[in-house]
């Protein structure tokens, strides 16, 4: 692969010896790029102190320099340290000179950067040398400790020592002879995996050095000539091994000073400088951390106490209307068969909110406004409205001025299923599968079942739209009332009660009020004046607040415009005992206050203490407790307001106990700021 040329370093010799890449190569496994020795010399000259005098050491492997005193030993221990561990034998079986120096010793002996050296040997249990330890001084004041292990058997004989050496190594050197293929295969298959295991994924630089010139020169590429391939290790095999372990590959023809110092020394010194820089950076970080630990630390601000959590109440809108059908309070419709033998009661407001057919039937819409003629034809074929009062003495408290409407169902099959159909409608009209099952059990005839279900679909059909079975099964009809009952909110259509409030009137429907509010159910069905009166006065509530209250009863939703309106609505809900509406108002107030920034909270005209007193007066325990915690959490803001003085003794005690930040923290912060100002430093807190 390379020409076997002798290097003549004399001045008159061929100048090609200054081109070291012709005689040796080094490459990083990731890129495989070559780099000249001049680059390493430039990097080193920029980092090192003035050049040191080269110390010519005798060619002896046992040299021990005594330590002058304990003080020098302590100073030596404090110097920067670099640990190098070298494995492998650079000799081969064909070499006649068994006393040739090793790669490590050749570098240490010939490097101009080394000022002193100590060496010693460690022996195995058989008495044979296992590794040589060199301790040298490099770069002027850096202590370099090198463990050179010429035999790989150390992993088999002393695994613990080998792992300990590799674990503490800053640089690892692996050596092998290019003329010993057997040793290379054993190194690749057995010992390199052990080195990787001992490294345990640590980012330690590894240098693979291939030593020697191949005996047969350029190997023959003929398939029949395989003798040189069996005995020599090719460059590609060495580079592949370096890629597998992420190492730097280096190839040296001989262990002369030219190759050892220019190539091996340059790579080794580069990694030593990198290791020293890394250790210096870690040492500086450690020193800064130690300084931070000894510095006076600012006080730690604890987290404020967690605010009380309000558990919301689930909606019972459909259940309220279902109960209305079961108890038949305020019923104003009576369905009869042709023989008038039985009666099924219902409410016009509920039926009209579900179907345009019932709007036509009860006169809410005129036939001229009907956009679908099929609906009018179905109404005439199924029902017949008759005048007259079927209840001479109504037991359900219906006012005499609002007589129930008598409706005759012409289809007997449909009438037999009418209770189940009304239950389906009053329950929210979303349990279509259940209605199908009830029809099948009652009729026990598939044709009749299909006939009745088709009639129900036509009743629920929206004019201008084609309703399908899929629409009945989906969630589109699940919320019929909170979307359709809104059409009758604050309108005189079908209204049977009028509230008089602040000089104006508000129409409403008894059926909805009785179903949604227990207080109004008792008021309209008990021995009260309102039970037989259409005009009902309302006191203590503004018109806007009462309209918001009625809107919730009709639609099961509300959206207050402000915190004060939410508090007024909460007071109205407490007066009529609508608990879920109270919780909605409480949650709205909490959310709005919690979202206020500190500057807005300090300048707001809303009196939090006044809200607290109203919440306590109207039995809103959750809101009152939350407001006390809110005042305590924002103590520095509310303690500066005049309303803070309106707190009772018990409330003031609670706020002082749970205040944030605490008095202890404020005292510690004042002491810390005093200390910082005395030291003329910058405060890291304020």
Foldseek 3Di string as FASTA:
>chain_A
DADPDDDDPDPPDDPCVVVCVNAKFKAFLVPGDTDFLVVLVVVDVVPFDPFAAADQDPPDQADADDDDDVVVVVLLVPFAEAEEEEEAAQDDPPDPDPPDDGLVVLCQNPDRFWDDKHKDFDAAPVRDTQWMWMWIAGSNGYIYIYTYGHDLCCCVRPVPVVLVSLCPHQEYEYEYEQQALPVVVCCLPPPVVSSVVSCVPPPHAYEYEYEADQPVHDDDPDPVPCPSVNGGHDPVNQSVSCNVSRYMYIYHHHSDCSRSCSPVVSVVVVSVVVSVVVVVVVVVVVVVVVVVVPDDDFDDFDDFDDFDDFDADDDCLLVLLLVCQVVVAQFQAWEAEPVRPDIRTDHLLLLVLQFVLSCCVVVVDDPVPAQDVVSVVLSVQFKDKDDDAPDPPDPRLHAPVRGHIYIYTHDPLLVVCVVVLVSCSSSQLAPVVVSLVVLCVVVVDVVSSVVNVVSSCSRRDDPPDDDDVVNSNDCVRNQSFLVSLVVVAQDQVQFQAWEAEPNDIGTDHLSLCLSQFVQSVCQCRHPHPNVRDRYHYDPDAHPVLVSQVSNCSRNVDGDDPDLVSLLRNLLVCLVRVNVNSNSVSLVVNVVVVVPDDPVCVLPDPDDLVVSLVSCVVSVVVSSNSSSLSVCQAVVVRVVPDPCVVVDDPVSVVSSLVSHPPHPVSVVSNVVVVVVCVVVVHDDPPD
